[in-house]
Amino acid sequence: MGKHHPYSNEVKIKTVMSFVIDHESILKLSRELGVYKGVIQHWVKKYEHGGIEELTKETRGRKGRPKNAVFNSVEEELEQVKMERDLLKKVSTLRKKLIKG
């Protein structure tokens, strides 16, 4: 069985938006990213089913920190909050592009 290669939410969102908004072919995107076409098709189906939230939902491995997680340091918590903020900014920008469509 093949090894699972995790892709960041940013890569998934950018790839799916390139397909949905820019009408890039799945074949072209799969070659650029170096993944099987089926992987991108799966991402597109997830997006069509539940939007960006479904696309970025973690389905393998550790599920991240629970809402009431205890951080080991203020720096660790700050880093987590910054990552969440950055992701929300990117999602907001992509949604605006999609709405303007």
PDB file of N, CA and C in Angstrom:
ATOM      1  N   MET A   1       0.839  -1.187   0.000  1.00  0.00           N
ATOM      2  CA  MET A   1       0.000   0.000   0.000  1.00  0.00           C
ATOM      3  C   MET A   1       0.880   1.244   0.000  1.00  0.00           C
ATOM      4  N   GLY A   2       0.441   2.284  -0.665  1.00  0.00           N
ATOM      5  CA  GLY A   2       1.218   3.514  -0.773  1.00  0.00           C
ATOM      6  C   GLY A   2       1.280   4.293   0.520  1.00  0.00           C
ATOM      7  N   LYS A   3       2.267   5.121   0.621  1.00  0.00           N
ATOM      8  CA  LYS A   3       2.436   5.970   1.801  1.00  0.00           C
ATOM      9  C   LYS A   3       1.551   7.197   1.673  1.00  0.00           C
ATOM     10  N   HIS A   4       0.932   7.582   2.760  1.00  0.00           N
ATOM     11  CA  HIS A   4       0.072   8.768   2.790  1.00  0.00           C
ATOM     12  C   HIS A   4       0.939  10.016   2.874  1.00  0.00           C
ATOM     13  N   HIS A   5       0.703  10.952   1.950  1.00  0.00           N
ATOM     14  CA  HIS A   5       1.438  12.216   1.939  1.00  0.00           C
ATOM     15  C   HIS A   5       0.458  13.326   2.303  1.00  0.00           C
ATOM     16  N   PRO A   6       0.565  13.847   3.512  1.00  0.00           N
ATOM     17  CA  PRO A   6      -0.370  14.905   3.892  1.00  0.00           C
ATOM     18  C   PRO A   6      -0.067  16.210   3.156  1.00  0.00           C
ATOM     19  N   TYR A   7      -1.103  16.873   2.735  1.00  0.00           N
ATOM     20  CA  TYR A   7      -0.964  18.173   2.085  1.00  0.00           C
ATOM     21  C   TYR A   7      -1.616  19.209   2.969  1.00  0.00           C
ATOM     22  N   SER A   8      -1.020  20.383   3.020  1.00  0.00           N
ATOM     23  CA  SER A   8      -1.556  21.443   3.866  1.00  0.00           C
ATOM     24  C   SER A   8      -2.925  21.872   3.353  1.00  0.00           C
ATOM     25  N   ASN A   9      -3.704  22.452   4.243  1.00  0.00           N
ATOM     26  CA  ASN A   9      -5.010  22.977   3.855  1.00  0.00           C
ATOM     27  C   ASN A   9      -4.860  24.046   2.785  1.00  0.00           C
ATOM     28  N   GLU A  10      -3.798  24.814   2.874  1.00  0.00           N
ATOM     29  CA  GLU A  10      -3.554  25.869   1.889  1.00  0.00           C
ATOM     30  C   GLU A  10      -3.391  25.273   0.489  1.00  0.00           C
ATOM     31  N   VAL A  11      -2.644  24.181   0.382  1.00  0.00           N
ATOM     32  CA  VAL A  11      -2.442  23.532  -0.911  1.00  0.00           C
ATOM     33  C   VAL A  11      -3.760  22.971  -1.433  1.00  0.00           C
ATOM     34  N   LYS A  12      -4.524  22.327  -0.558  1.00  0.00           N
ATOM     35  CA  LYS A  12      -5.816  21.771  -0.971  1.00  0.00           C
ATOM     36  C   LYS A  12      -6.749  22.868  -1.468  1.00  0.00           C
ATOM     37  N   ILE A  13      -6.862  23.952  -0.703  1.00  0.00           N
ATOM     38  CA  ILE A  13      -7.761  25.053  -1.065  1.00  0.00           C
ATOM     39  C   ILE A  13      -7.320  25.678  -2.381  1.00  0.00           C
ATOM     40  N   LYS A  14      -6.047  25.961  -2.502  1.00  0.00           N
ATOM     41  CA  LYS A  14      -5.537  26.592  -3.722  1.00  0.00           C
ATOM     42  C   LYS A  14      -5.790  25.706  -4.939  1.00  0.00           C
ATOM     43  N   THR A  15      -5.555  24.416  -4.797  1.00  0.00           N
ATOM     44  CA  THR A  15      -5.750  23.489  -5.902  1.00  0.00           C
ATOM     45  C   THR A  15      -7.214  23.402  -6.298  1.00  0.00           C
ATOM     46  N   VAL A  16      -8.089  23.254  -5.320  1.00  0.00           N
ATOM     47  CA  VAL A  16      -9.528  23.151  -5.622  1.00  0.00           C
ATOM     48  C   VAL A  16     -10.042  24.451  -6.216  1.00  0.00           C
ATOM     49  N   MET A  17      -9.592  25.586  -5.704  1.00  0.00           N
ATOM     50  CA  MET A  17     -10.038  26.870  -6.258  1.00  0.00           C
ATOM     51  C   MET A  17      -9.522  27.054  -7.687  1.00  0.00           C
ATOM     52  N   SER A  18      -8.330  26.547  -7.971  1.00  0.00           N
ATOM     53  CA  SER A  18      -7.815  26.614  -9.345  1.00  0.00           C
ATOM     54  C   SER A  18      -8.710  25.819 -10.286  1.00  0.00           C
ATOM     55  N   PHE A  19      -9.238  24.714  -9.790  1.00  0.00           N
ATOM     56  CA  PHE A  19     -10.146  23.902 -10.600  1.00  0.00           C
ATOM     57  C   PHE A  19     -11.514  24.569 -10.725  1.00  0.00           C
ATOM     58  N   VAL A  20     -12.069  25.008  -9.598  1.00  0.00           N
ATOM     59  CA  VAL A  20     -13.434  25.546  -9.571  1.00  0.00           C
ATOM     60  C   VAL A  20     -13.516  26.937 -10.198  1.00  0.00           C
ATOM     61  N   ILE A  21     -12.617  27.817  -9.831  1.00  0.00           N
ATOM     62  CA  ILE A  21     -12.704  29.220 -10.265  1.00  0.00           C
ATOM     63  C   ILE A  21     -11.982  29.438 -11.593  1.00  0.00           C
ATOM     64  N   ASP A  22     -10.742  28.941 -11.678  1.00  0.00           N
ATOM     65  CA  ASP A  22      -9.916  29.204 -12.857  1.00  0.00           C
ATOM     66  C   ASP A  22     -10.112  28.169 -13.966  1.00  0.00           C
ATOM     67  N   HIS A  23     -10.892  27.121 -13.683  1.00  0.00           N
ATOM     68  CA  HIS A  23     -11.191  26.067 -14.656  1.00  0.00           C
ATOM     69  C   HIS A  23      -9.939  25.355 -15.169  1.00  0.00           C
ATOM     70  N   GLU A  24      -8.949  25.227 -14.278  1.00  0.00           N
ATOM     71  CA  GLU A  24      -7.748  24.462 -14.619  1.00  0.00           C
ATOM     72  C   GLU A  24      -8.130  22.986 -14.675  1.00  0.00           C
ATOM     73  N   SER A  25      -7.490  22.227 -15.533  1.00  0.00           N
ATOM     74  CA  SER A  25      -7.809  20.801 -15.629  1.00  0.00           C
ATOM     75  C   SER A  25      -7.190  20.049 -14.453  1.00  0.00           C
ATOM     76  N   ILE A  26      -7.869  18.993 -14.051  1.00  0.00           N
ATOM     77  CA  ILE A  26      -7.357  18.171 -12.959  1.00  0.00           C
ATOM     78  C   ILE A  26      -6.034  17.533 -13.373  1.00  0.00           C
ATOM     79  N   LEU A  27      -5.913  17.157 -14.630  1.00  0.00           N
ATOM     80  CA  LEU A  27      -4.664  16.565 -15.115  1.00  0.00           C
ATOM     81  C   LEU A  27      -3.500  17.541 -14.961  1.00  0.00           C
ATOM     82  N   LYS A  28      -3.713  18.804 -15.371  1.00  0.00           N
ATOM     83  CA  LYS A  28      -2.664  19.815 -15.255  1.00  0.00           C
ATOM     84  C   LYS A  28      -2.295  20.042 -13.791  1.00  0.00           C
ATOM     85  N   LEU A  29      -3.306  20.174 -12.929  1.00  0.00           N
ATOM     86  CA  LEU A  29      -3.057  20.402 -11.506  1.00  0.00           C
ATOM     87  C   LEU A  29      -2.329  19.219 -10.873  1.00  0.00           C
ATOM     88  N   SER A  30      -2.706  18.004 -11.269  1.00  0.00           N
ATOM     89  CA  SER A  30      -2.048  16.831 -10.685  1.00  0.00           C
ATOM     90  C   SER A  30      -0.579  16.763 -11.106  1.00  0.00           C
ATOM     91  N   ARG A  31      -0.292  17.156 -12.326  1.00  0.00           N
ATOM     92  CA  ARG A  31       1.109  17.175 -12.778  1.00  0.00           C
ATOM     93  C   ARG A  31       1.908  18.237 -12.037  1.00  0.00           C
ATOM     94  N   GLU A  32       1.308  19.419 -11.865  1.00  0.00           N
ATOM     95  CA  GLU A  32       2.013  20.502 -11.169  1.00  0.00           C
ATOM     96  C   GLU A  32       2.306  20.142  -9.721  1.00  0.00           C
ATOM     97  N   LEU A  33       1.336  19.493  -9.080  1.00  0.00           N
ATOM     98  CA  LEU A  33       1.476  19.162  -7.664  1.00  0.00           C
ATOM     99  C   LEU A  33       2.205  17.843  -7.450  1.00  0.00           C
ATOM    100  N   GLY A  34       2.202  16.997  -8.486  1.00  0.00           N
ATOM    101  CA  GLY A  34       2.855  15.694  -8.363  1.00  0.00           C
ATOM    102  C   GLY A  34       2.029  14.691  -7.595  1.00  0.00           C
ATOM    103  N   VAL A  35       0.704  14.740  -7.765  1.00  0.00           N
ATOM    104  CA  VAL A  35      -0.193  13.786  -7.096  1.00  0.00           C
ATOM    105  C   VAL A  35      -1.072  13.114  -8.143  1.00  0.00           C
ATOM    106  N   TYR A  36      -1.673  12.008  -7.754  1.00  0.00           N
ATOM    107  CA  TYR A  36      -2.604  11.332  -8.637  1.00  0.00           C
ATOM    108  C   TYR A  36      -3.848  12.198  -8.859  1.00  0.00           C
ATOM    109  N   LYS A  37      -4.433  12.060 -10.049  1.00  0.00           N
ATOM    110  CA  LYS A  37      -5.656  12.815 -10.354  1.00  0.00           C
ATOM    111  C   LYS A  37      -6.744  12.512  -9.335  1.00  0.00           C
ATOM    112  N   GLY A  38      -6.802  11.272  -8.890  1.00  0.00           N
ATOM    113  CA  GLY A  38      -7.834  10.857  -7.939  1.00  0.00           C
ATOM    114  C   GLY A  38      -7.787  11.625  -6.629  1.00  0.00           C
ATOM    115  N   VAL A  39      -6.599  12.027  -6.231  1.00  0.00           N
ATOM    116  CA  VAL A  39      -6.459  12.796  -4.989  1.00  0.00           C
ATOM    117  C   VAL A  39      -7.171  14.141  -5.147  1.00  0.00           C
ATOM    118  N   ILE A  40      -6.927  14.806  -6.259  1.00  0.00           N
ATOM    119  CA  ILE A  40      -7.553  16.109  -6.498  1.00  0.00           C
ATOM    120  C   ILE A  40      -9.053  15.934  -6.700  1.00  0.00           C
ATOM    121  N   GLN A  41      -9.471  14.884  -7.391  1.00  0.00           N
ATOM    122  CA  GLN A  41     -10.895  14.616  -7.569  1.00  0.00           C
ATOM    123  C   GLN A  41     -11.572  14.422  -6.213  1.00  0.00           C
ATOM    124  N   HIS A  42     -10.885  13.749  -5.308  1.00  0.00           N
ATOM    125  CA  HIS A  42     -11.410  13.546  -3.956  1.00  0.00           C
ATOM    126  C   HIS A  42     -11.564  14.882  -3.231  1.00  0.00           C
ATOM    127  N   TRP A  43     -10.553  15.750  -3.345  1.00  0.00           N
ATOM    128  CA  TRP A  43     -10.634  17.075  -2.722  1.00  0.00           C
ATOM    129  C   TRP A  43     -11.809  17.863  -3.285  1.00  0.00           C
ATOM    130  N   VAL A  44     -12.001  17.803  -4.601  1.00  0.00           N
ATOM    131  CA  VAL A  44     -13.100  18.539  -5.243  1.00  0.00           C
ATOM    132  C   VAL A  44     -14.441  18.012  -4.744  1.00  0.00           C
ATOM    133  N   LYS A  45     -14.580  16.696  -4.633  1.00  0.00           N
ATOM    134  CA  LYS A  45     -15.834  16.112  -4.136  1.00  0.00           C
ATOM    135  C   LYS A  45     -16.106  16.561  -2.702  1.00  0.00           C
ATOM    136  N   LYS A  46     -15.062  16.556  -1.880  1.00  0.00           N
ATOM    137  CA  LYS A  46     -15.235  17.005  -0.494  1.00  0.00           C
ATOM    138  C   LYS A  46     -15.687  18.467  -0.470  1.00  0.00           C
ATOM    139  N   TYR A  47     -15.069  19.302  -1.313  1.00  0.00           N
ATOM    140  CA  TYR A  47     -15.434  20.719  -1.379  1.00  0.00           C
ATOM    141  C   TYR A  47     -16.873  20.876  -1.846  1.00  0.00           C
ATOM    142  N   GLU A  48     -17.265  20.147  -2.874  1.00  0.00           N
ATOM    143  CA  GLU A  48     -18.632  20.240  -3.391  1.00  0.00           C
ATOM    144  C   GLU A  48     -19.642  19.754  -2.369  1.00  0.00           C
ATOM    145  N   HIS A  49     -19.257  18.793  -1.556  1.00  0.00           N
ATOM    146  CA  HIS A  49     -20.167  18.242  -0.551  1.00  0.00           C
ATOM    147  C   HIS A  49     -20.345  19.167   0.649  1.00  0.00           C
ATOM    148  N   GLY A  50     -19.244  19.772   1.121  1.00  0.00           N
ATOM    149  CA  GLY A  50     -19.341  20.541   2.354  1.00  0.00           C
ATOM    150  C   GLY A  50     -18.539  21.822   2.389  1.00  0.00           C
ATOM    151  N   GLY A  51     -18.076  22.280   1.248  1.00  0.00           N
ATOM    152  CA  GLY A  51     -17.335  23.532   1.210  1.00  0.00           C
ATOM    153  C   GLY A  51     -15.932  23.395   1.779  1.00  0.00           C
ATOM    154  N   ILE A  52     -15.359  24.531   2.103  1.00  0.00           N
ATOM    155  CA  ILE A  52     -13.979  24.567   2.584  1.00  0.00           C
ATOM    156  C   ILE A  52     -13.854  23.845   3.930  1.00  0.00           C
ATOM    157  N   GLU A  53     -14.891  23.924   4.747  1.00  0.00           N
ATOM    158  CA  GLU A  53     -14.831  23.243   6.042  1.00  0.00           C
ATOM    159  C   GLU A  53     -14.658  21.740   5.865  1.00  0.00           C
ATOM    160  N   GLU A  54     -15.393  21.157   4.934  1.00  0.00           N
ATOM    161  CA  GLU A  54     -15.271  19.712   4.679  1.00  0.00           C
ATOM    162  C   GLU A  54     -13.918  19.381   4.063  1.00  0.00           C
ATOM    163  N   LEU A  55     -13.459  20.226   3.150  1.00  0.00           N
ATOM    164  CA  LEU A  55     -12.175  20.008   2.486  1.00  0.00           C
ATOM    165  C   LEU A  55     -11.025  20.006   3.481  1.00  0.00           C
ATOM    166  N   THR A  56     -11.071  20.883   4.462  1.00  0.00           N
ATOM    167  CA  THR A  56      -9.958  21.031   5.396  1.00  0.00           C
ATOM    168  C   THR A  56     -10.118  20.192   6.667  1.00  0.00           C
ATOM    169  N   LYS A  57     -11.207  19.456   6.772  1.00  0.00           N
ATOM    170  CA  LYS A  57     -11.424  18.620   7.951  1.00  0.00           C
ATOM    171  C   LYS A  57     -10.417  17.480   7.967  1.00  0.00           C
ATOM    172  N   GLU A  58      -9.720  17.326   9.062  1.00  0.00           N
ATOM    173  CA  GLU A  58      -8.706  16.276   9.195  1.00  0.00           C
ATOM    174  C   GLU A  58      -9.402  14.928   9.350  1.00  0.00           C
ATOM    175  N   THR A  59      -8.993  13.967   8.530  1.00  0.00           N
ATOM    176  CA  THR A  59      -9.624  12.650   8.589  1.00  0.00           C
ATOM    177  C   THR A  59      -8.656  11.539   8.945  1.00  0.00           C
ATOM    178  N   ARG A  60      -7.388  11.835   9.053  1.00  0.00           N
ATOM    179  CA  ARG A  60      -6.380  10.828   9.407  1.00  0.00           C
ATOM    180  C   ARG A  60      -5.536  11.321  10.571  1.00  0.00           C
ATOM    181  N   GLY A  61      -4.959  10.384  11.277  1.00  0.00           N
ATOM    182  CA  GLY A  61      -3.987  10.727  12.304  1.00  0.00           C
ATOM    183  C   GLY A  61      -4.578  11.516  13.454  1.00  0.00           C
ATOM    184  N   ARG A  62      -3.741  12.323  14.072  1.00  0.00           N
ATOM    185  CA  ARG A  62      -4.165  13.137  15.213  1.00  0.00           C
ATOM    186  C   ARG A  62      -5.170  14.173  14.757  1.00  0.00           C
ATOM    187  N   LYS A  63      -6.130  14.399  15.549  1.00  0.00           N
ATOM    188  CA  LYS A  63      -7.212  15.310  15.208  1.00  0.00           C
ATOM    189  C   LYS A  63      -6.970  16.731  15.683  1.00  0.00           C
ATOM    190  N   GLY A  64      -5.774  17.039  16.113  1.00  0.00           N
ATOM    191  CA  GLY A  64      -5.500  18.393  16.588  1.00  0.00           C
ATOM    192  C   GLY A  64      -5.878  18.544  18.047  1.00  0.00           C
ATOM    193  N   ARG A  65      -5.813  19.744  18.510  1.00  0.00           N
ATOM    194  CA  ARG A  65      -6.108  20.003  19.905  1.00  0.00           C
ATOM    195  C   ARG A  65      -7.600  20.174  20.120  1.00  0.00           C
ATOM    196  N   PRO A  66      -8.117  19.605  21.191  1.00  0.00           N
ATOM    197  CA  PRO A  66      -9.523  19.853  21.511  1.00  0.00           C
ATOM    198  C   PRO A  66      -9.711  21.318  21.908  1.00  0.00           C
ATOM    199  N   LYS A  67     -10.951  21.773  21.857  1.00  0.00           N
ATOM    200  CA  LYS A  67     -11.259  23.177  22.155  1.00  0.00           C
ATOM    201  C   LYS A  67     -10.732  23.609  23.527  1.00  0.00           C
ATOM    202  N   ASN A  68     -10.729  22.724  24.481  1.00  0.00           N
ATOM    203  CA  ASN A  68     -10.315  23.084  25.840  1.00  0.00           C
ATOM    204  C   ASN A  68      -8.896  22.592  26.144  1.00  0.00           C
ATOM    205  N   ALA A  69      -8.033  22.558  25.125  1.00  0.00           N
ATOM    206  CA  ALA A  69      -6.676  22.048  25.290  1.00  0.00           C
ATOM    207  C   ALA A  69      -5.861  22.927  26.230  1.00  0.00           C
ATOM    208  N   VAL A  70      -4.940  22.292  26.915  1.00  0.00           N
ATOM    209  CA  VAL A  70      -4.013  22.999  27.785  1.00  0.00           C
ATOM    210  C   VAL A  70      -2.689  23.081  27.047  1.00  0.00           C
ATOM    211  N   PHE A  71      -2.182  24.282  26.852  1.00  0.00           N
ATOM    212  CA  PHE A  71      -0.924  24.484  26.153  1.00  0.00           C
ATOM    213  C   PHE A  71       0.220  24.462  27.153  1.00  0.00           C
ATOM    214  N   ASN A  72       1.389  24.052  26.672  1.00  0.00           N
ATOM    215  CA  ASN A  72       2.566  23.993  27.534  1.00  0.00           C
ATOM    216  C   ASN A  72       3.170  25.364  27.786  1.00  0.00           C
ATOM    217  N   SER A  73       2.890  26.326  26.893  1.00  0.00           N
ATOM    218  CA  SER A  73       3.435  27.663  27.073  1.00  0.00           C
ATOM    219  C   SER A  73       2.552  28.668  26.343  1.00  0.00           C
ATOM    220  N   VAL A  74       2.726  29.917  26.693  1.00  0.00           N
ATOM    221  CA  VAL A  74       2.000  30.991  26.024  1.00  0.00           C
ATOM    222  C   VAL A  74       2.423  31.059  24.556  1.00  0.00           C
ATOM    223  N   GLU A  75       3.693  30.814  24.301  1.00  0.00           N
ATOM    224  CA  GLU A  75       4.201  30.854  22.929  1.00  0.00           C
ATOM    225  C   GLU A  75       3.537  29.792  22.062  1.00  0.00           C
ATOM    226  N   GLU A  76       3.350  28.607  22.646  1.00  0.00           N
ATOM    227  CA  GLU A  76       2.700  27.513  21.912  1.00  0.00           C
ATOM    228  C   GLU A  76       1.255  27.883  21.564  1.00  0.00           C
ATOM    229  N   GLU A  77       0.561  28.443  22.519  1.00  0.00           N
ATOM    230  CA  GLU A  77      -0.822  28.860  22.283  1.00  0.00           C
ATOM    231  C   GLU A  77      -0.875  29.987  21.246  1.00  0.00           C
ATOM    232  N   LEU A  78       0.035  30.930  21.344  1.00  0.00           N
ATOM    233  CA  LEU A  78       0.083  32.030  20.388  1.00  0.00           C
ATOM    234  C   LEU A  78       0.327  31.512  18.973  1.00  0.00           C
ATOM    235  N   GLU A  79       1.229  30.568  18.825  1.00  0.00           N
ATOM    236  CA  GLU A  79       1.518  29.980  17.510  1.00  0.00           C
ATOM    237  C   GLU A  79       0.266  29.310  16.933  1.00  0.00           C
ATOM    238  N   GLN A  80      -0.474  28.600  17.766  1.00  0.00           N
ATOM    239  CA  GLN A  80      -1.709  27.949  17.323  1.00  0.00           C
ATOM    240  C   GLN A  80      -2.727  28.990  16.865  1.00  0.00           C
ATOM    241  N   VAL A  81      -2.885  30.042  17.628  1.00  0.00           N
ATOM    242  CA  VAL A  81      -3.841  31.093  17.277  1.00  0.00           C
ATOM    243  C   VAL A  81      -3.432  31.793  15.978  1.00  0.00           C
ATOM    244  N   LYS A  82      -2.148  32.036  15.802  1.00  0.00           N
ATOM    245  CA  LYS A  82      -1.665  32.658  14.570  1.00  0.00           C
ATOM    246  C   LYS A  82      -1.950  31.780  13.353  1.00  0.00           C
ATOM    247  N   MET A  83      -1.733  30.479  13.477  1.00  0.00           N
ATOM    248  CA  MET A  83      -2.005  29.571  12.367  1.00  0.00           C
ATOM    249  C   MET A  83      -3.493  29.568  12.017  1.00  0.00           C
ATOM    250  N   GLU A  84      -4.343  29.554  13.041  1.00  0.00           N
ATOM    251  CA  GLU A  84      -5.784  29.582  12.798  1.00  0.00           C
ATOM    252  C   GLU A  84      -6.203  30.893  12.139  1.00  0.00           C
ATOM    253  N   ARG A  85      -5.637  32.008  12.595  1.00  0.00           N
ATOM    254  CA  ARG A  85      -5.932  33.320  12.013  1.00  0.00           C
ATOM    255  C   ARG A  85      -5.541  33.365  10.542  1.00  0.00           C
ATOM    256  N   ASP A  86      -4.333  32.890  10.240  1.00  0.00           N
ATOM    257  CA  ASP A  86      -3.850  32.909   8.862  1.00  0.00           C
ATOM    258  C   ASP A  86      -4.727  32.058   7.952  1.00  0.00           C
ATOM    259  N   LEU A  87      -5.141  30.909   8.438  1.00  0.00           N
ATOM    260  CA  LEU A  87      -6.005  30.044   7.641  1.00  0.00           C
ATOM    261  C   LEU A  87      -7.356  30.719   7.396  1.00  0.00           C
ATOM    262  N   LEU A  88      -7.917  31.340   8.408  1.00  0.00           N
ATOM    263  CA  LEU A  88      -9.193  32.025   8.241  1.00  0.00           C
ATOM    264  C   LEU A  88      -9.091  33.181   7.252  1.00  0.00           C
ATOM    265  N   LYS A  89      -7.970  33.897   7.261  1.00  0.00           N
ATOM    266  CA  LYS A  89      -7.764  34.975   6.282  1.00  0.00           C
ATOM    267  C   LYS A  89      -7.761  34.425   4.868  1.00  0.00           C
ATOM    268  N   LYS A  90      -7.068  33.306   4.666  1.00  0.00           N
ATOM    269  CA  LYS A  90      -6.990  32.698   3.340  1.00  0.00           C
ATOM    270  C   LYS A  90      -8.357  32.200   2.880  1.00  0.00           C
ATOM    271  N   VAL A  91      -9.087  31.579   3.781  1.00  0.00           N
ATOM    272  CA  VAL A  91     -10.424  31.094   3.444  1.00  0.00           C
ATOM    273  C   VAL A  91     -11.331  32.259   3.082  1.00  0.00           C
ATOM    274  N   SER A  92     -11.258  33.325   3.841  1.00  0.00           N
ATOM    275  CA  SER A  92     -12.076  34.508   3.567  1.00  0.00           C
ATOM    276  C   SER A  92     -11.761  35.087   2.198  1.00  0.00           C
ATOM    277  N   THR A  93     -10.489  35.190   1.869  1.00  0.00           N
ATOM    278  CA  THR A  93     -10.077  35.712   0.567  1.00  0.00           C
ATOM    279  C   THR A  93     -10.589  34.820  -0.562  1.00  0.00           C
ATOM    280  N   LEU A  94     -10.460  33.507  -0.390  1.00  0.00           N
ATOM    281  CA  LEU A  94     -10.927  32.583  -1.424  1.00  0.00           C
ATOM    282  C   LEU A  94     -12.444  32.630  -1.585  1.00  0.00           C
ATOM    283  N   ARG A  95     -13.164  32.764  -0.489  1.00  0.00           N
ATOM    284  CA  ARG A  95     -14.625  32.858  -0.577  1.00  0.00           C
ATOM    285  C   ARG A  95     -15.042  34.120  -1.320  1.00  0.00           C
ATOM    286  N   LYS A  96     -14.346  35.246  -1.056  1.00  0.00           N
ATOM    287  CA  LYS A  96     -14.650  36.485  -1.758  1.00  0.00           C
ATOM    288  C   LYS A  96     -14.440  36.328  -3.257  1.00  0.00           C
ATOM    289  N   LYS A  97     -13.334  35.650  -3.632  1.00  0.00           N
ATOM    290  CA  LYS A  97     -13.059  35.402  -5.053  1.00  0.00           C
ATOM    291  C   LYS A  97     -14.143  34.523  -5.659  1.00  0.00           C
ATOM    292  N   LEU A  98     -14.566  33.523  -4.914  1.00  0.00           N
ATOM    293  CA  LEU A  98     -15.587  32.599  -5.404  1.00  0.00           C
ATOM    294  C   LEU A  98     -16.917  33.304  -5.591  1.00  0.00           C
ATOM    295  N   ILE A  99     -17.278  34.186  -4.674  1.00  0.00           N
ATOM    296  CA  ILE A  99     -18.548  34.925  -4.763  1.00  0.00           C
ATOM    297  C   ILE A  99     -18.526  35.886  -5.946  1.00  0.00           C
ATOM    298  N   LYS A 100     -17.391  36.557  -6.160  1.00  0.00           N
ATOM    299  CA  LYS A 100     -17.287  37.477  -7.288  1.00  0.00           C
ATOM    300  C   LYS A 100     -17.342  36.734  -8.608  1.00  0.00           C
ATOM    301  N   GLY A 101     -16.849  35.484  -8.572  1.00  0.00           N
ATOM    302  CA  GLY A 101     -16.791  34.522  -9.607  1.00  0.00           C
ATOM    303  C   GLY A 101     -16.877  34.816 -10.979  1.00  0.00           C
TER     304      GLY A 101
END
